Amino acid sequence: MNAAERRHVQKVVALRCAIGLRFGGPCSGKLELHHVAEGSSKRSWYAVVPLCAEHHRGGSGLHGMGVKAFCRLYRVPWEKEEGLLLWTNEDLART
């Protein structure tokens, strides 16, 4: 990770869980970064979104439910994982 990527990640880590922020629901566990990537392609530090442990890996989380069900349930833009990046960029613009 280079210096610019590190600065970006630090800003993202300072945000709240993208789901908890929008739906006001309780978040559980520490904040985790989820990498948005197509298939097994190289992950970019600019394509990360903040999710609490539950919304990342838990039963109501992206990995727990699967991407399609998660995006439908939480009305993620375009019903795609990339929509989480839109939300993260909006949140960063507000800081």
C-alpha atoms as a PDB file:
ATOM      1  CA  MET A   1       0.000   0.000   0.000  1.00  0.00           C
ATOM      2  CA  ASN A   2       1.460   3.348  -1.002  1.00  0.00           C
ATOM      3  CA  ALA A   3       1.044   6.659   0.857  1.00  0.00           C
ATOM      4  CA  ALA A   4      -1.948   7.862  -1.200  1.00  0.00           C
ATOM      5  CA  GLU A   5      -3.747   4.537  -0.713  1.00  0.00           C
ATOM      6  CA  ARG A   6      -3.018   4.674   3.015  1.00  0.00           C
ATOM      7  CA  ARG A   7      -4.545   8.178   3.271  1.00  0.00           C
ATOM      8  CA  HIS A   8      -7.654   7.003   1.432  1.00  0.00           C
ATOM      9  CA  VAL A   9      -8.035   3.930   3.658  1.00  0.00           C
ATOM     10  CA  GLN A  10      -7.645   6.078   6.784  1.00  0.00           C
ATOM     11  CA  LYS A  11     -10.503   8.293   5.589  1.00  0.00           C
ATOM     12  CA  VAL A  12     -12.721   5.275   4.883  1.00  0.00           C
ATOM     13  CA  VAL A  13     -11.948   3.731   8.278  1.00  0.00           C
ATOM     14  CA  ALA A  14     -13.088   6.972   9.928  1.00  0.00           C
ATOM     15  CA  LEU A  15     -16.585   6.493   8.443  1.00  0.00           C
ATOM     16  CA  ARG A  16     -19.437   4.508   9.998  1.00  0.00           C
ATOM     17  CA  CYS A  17     -20.728   1.212   8.627  1.00  0.00           C
ATOM     18  CA  ALA A  18     -22.369   1.995   5.276  1.00  0.00           C
ATOM     19  CA  ILE A  19     -25.473  -0.035   6.188  1.00  0.00           C
ATOM     20  CA  GLY A  20     -25.800   1.176   9.775  1.00  0.00           C
ATOM     21  CA  LEU A  21     -25.463   4.774   8.614  1.00  0.00           C
ATOM     22  CA  ARG A  22     -28.313   4.444   6.130  1.00  0.00           C
ATOM     23  CA  PHE A  23     -30.702   2.241   8.041  1.00  0.00           C
ATOM     24  CA  GLY A  24     -29.953   3.267  11.617  1.00  0.00           C
ATOM     25  CA  GLY A  25     -29.797  -0.330  12.670  1.00  0.00           C
ATOM     26  CA  PRO A  26     -27.454  -1.516  15.352  1.00  0.00           C
ATOM     27  CA  CYS A  27     -24.064  -2.496  14.098  1.00  0.00           C
ATOM     28  CA  SER A  28     -22.048  -5.126  15.877  1.00  0.00           C
ATOM     29  CA  GLY A  29     -18.370  -5.787  15.895  1.00  0.00           C
ATOM     30  CA  LYS A  30     -15.465  -3.692  14.767  1.00  0.00           C
ATOM     31  CA  LEU A  31     -15.481  -1.851  11.493  1.00  0.00           C
ATOM     32  CA  GLU A  32     -14.046  -3.914   8.660  1.00  0.00           C
ATOM     33  CA  LEU A  33     -13.108  -2.949   5.131  1.00  0.00           C
ATOM     34  CA  HIS A  34     -14.736  -4.867   2.320  1.00  0.00           C
ATOM     35  CA  HIS A  35     -12.895  -4.925  -1.002  1.00  0.00           C
ATOM     36  CA  VAL A  36     -15.166  -4.549  -4.008  1.00  0.00           C
ATOM     37  CA  ALA A  37     -13.611  -6.481  -6.872  1.00  0.00           C
ATOM     38  CA  GLU A  38     -14.780  -8.320  -9.939  1.00  0.00           C
ATOM     39  CA  GLY A  39     -14.083 -12.037  -9.599  1.00  0.00           C
ATOM     40  CA  SER A  40     -10.543 -12.823  -8.548  1.00  0.00           C
ATOM     41  CA  SER A  41      -9.070  -9.620  -9.947  1.00  0.00           C
ATOM     42  CA  LYS A  42      -6.518  -7.651  -7.970  1.00  0.00           C
ATOM     43  CA  ARG A  43      -8.110  -5.726  -5.126  1.00  0.00           C
ATOM     44  CA  SER A  44      -7.673  -1.961  -5.060  1.00  0.00           C
ATOM     45  CA  TRP A  45      -7.330  -0.002  -1.833  1.00  0.00           C
ATOM     46  CA  TYR A  46      -9.515   2.646  -3.488  1.00  0.00           C
ATOM     47  CA  ALA A  47     -12.365   0.147  -3.836  1.00  0.00           C
ATOM     48  CA  VAL A  48     -13.061  -0.485  -0.157  1.00  0.00           C
ATOM     49  CA  VAL A  49     -16.232   0.142   1.829  1.00  0.00           C
ATOM     50  CA  PRO A  50     -16.711   0.303   5.606  1.00  0.00           C
ATOM     51  CA  LEU A  51     -18.940  -2.396   7.091  1.00  0.00           C
ATOM     52  CA  CYS A  52     -19.293  -3.539  10.683  1.00  0.00           C
ATOM     53  CA  ALA A  53     -18.443  -7.196  11.319  1.00  0.00           C
ATOM     54  CA  GLU A  54     -22.138  -8.193  11.222  1.00  0.00           C
ATOM     55  CA  HIS A  55     -22.857  -6.435   7.925  1.00  0.00           C
ATOM     56  CA  HIS A  56     -19.625  -7.777   6.442  1.00  0.00           C
ATOM     57  CA  ARG A  57     -19.408 -11.418   7.554  1.00  0.00           C
ATOM     58  CA  GLY A  58     -22.435 -12.022   9.789  1.00  0.00           C
ATOM     59  CA  GLY A  59     -25.779 -13.638   9.026  1.00  0.00           C
ATOM     60  CA  SER A  60     -27.185 -10.323   7.776  1.00  0.00           C
ATOM     61  CA  GLY A  61     -23.922  -9.458   6.061  1.00  0.00           C
ATOM     62  CA  LEU A  62     -22.639  -9.388   2.528  1.00  0.00           C
ATOM     63  CA  HIS A  63     -20.662 -12.615   2.859  1.00  0.00           C
ATOM     64  CA  GLY A  64     -23.252 -14.279   5.093  1.00  0.00           C
ATOM     65  CA  MET A  65     -26.216 -13.666   2.783  1.00  0.00           C
ATOM     66  CA  GLY A  66     -24.424 -13.482  -0.524  1.00  0.00           C
ATOM     67  CA  VAL A  67     -23.997 -10.376  -2.636  1.00  0.00           C
ATOM     68  CA  LYS A  68     -27.322 -10.529  -4.520  1.00  0.00           C
ATOM     69  CA  ALA A  69     -29.514 -11.018  -1.444  1.00  0.00           C
ATOM     70  CA  PHE A  70     -27.548  -8.412   0.529  1.00  0.00           C
ATOM     71  CA  CYS A  71     -27.834  -5.791  -2.206  1.00  0.00           C
ATOM     72  CA  ARG A  72     -31.562  -6.446  -2.639  1.00  0.00           C
ATOM     73  CA  LEU A  73     -32.306  -6.330   1.107  1.00  0.00           C
ATOM     74  CA  TYR A  74     -30.421  -3.086   1.720  1.00  0.00           C
ATOM     75  CA  ARG A  75     -31.405  -1.472  -1.601  1.00  0.00           C
ATOM     76  CA  VAL A  76     -27.795  -0.926  -2.638  1.00  0.00           C
ATOM     77  CA  PRO A  77     -27.627   1.223  -5.795  1.00  0.00           C
ATOM     78  CA  TRP A  78     -27.898  -0.821  -8.968  1.00  0.00           C
ATOM     79  CA  GLU A  79     -28.403  -3.868  -6.698  1.00  0.00           C
ATOM     80  CA  LYS A  80     -24.689  -4.489  -7.160  1.00  0.00           C
ATOM     81  CA  GLU A  81     -21.727  -4.511  -4.840  1.00  0.00           C
ATOM     82  CA  GLU A  82     -20.311  -1.517  -6.741  1.00  0.00           C
ATOM     83  CA  GLY A  83     -23.205   0.535  -5.374  1.00  0.00           C
ATOM     84  CA  LEU A  84     -21.528   0.362  -1.968  1.00  0.00           C
ATOM     85  CA  LEU A  85     -18.660   2.365  -3.479  1.00  0.00           C
ATOM     86  CA  LEU A  86     -21.131   5.066  -4.492  1.00  0.00           C
ATOM     87  CA  TRP A  87     -22.355   5.276  -0.900  1.00  0.00           C
ATOM     88  CA  THR A  88     -18.785   5.370   0.419  1.00  0.00           C
ATOM     89  CA  ASN A  89     -17.835   8.177  -1.969  1.00  0.00           C
ATOM     90  CA  GLU A  90     -20.939  10.147  -0.922  1.00  0.00           C
ATOM     91  CA  ASP A  91     -19.993   9.677   2.729  1.00  0.00           C
ATOM     92  CA  LEU A  92     -16.411  10.766   2.059  1.00  0.00           C
ATOM     93  CA  ALA A  93     -17.659  13.892   0.261  1.00  0.00           C
ATOM     94  CA  ARG A  94     -19.600  14.875   3.401  1.00  0.00           C
ATOM     95  CA  THR A  95     -16.502  14.776   5.617  1.00  0.00           C
END
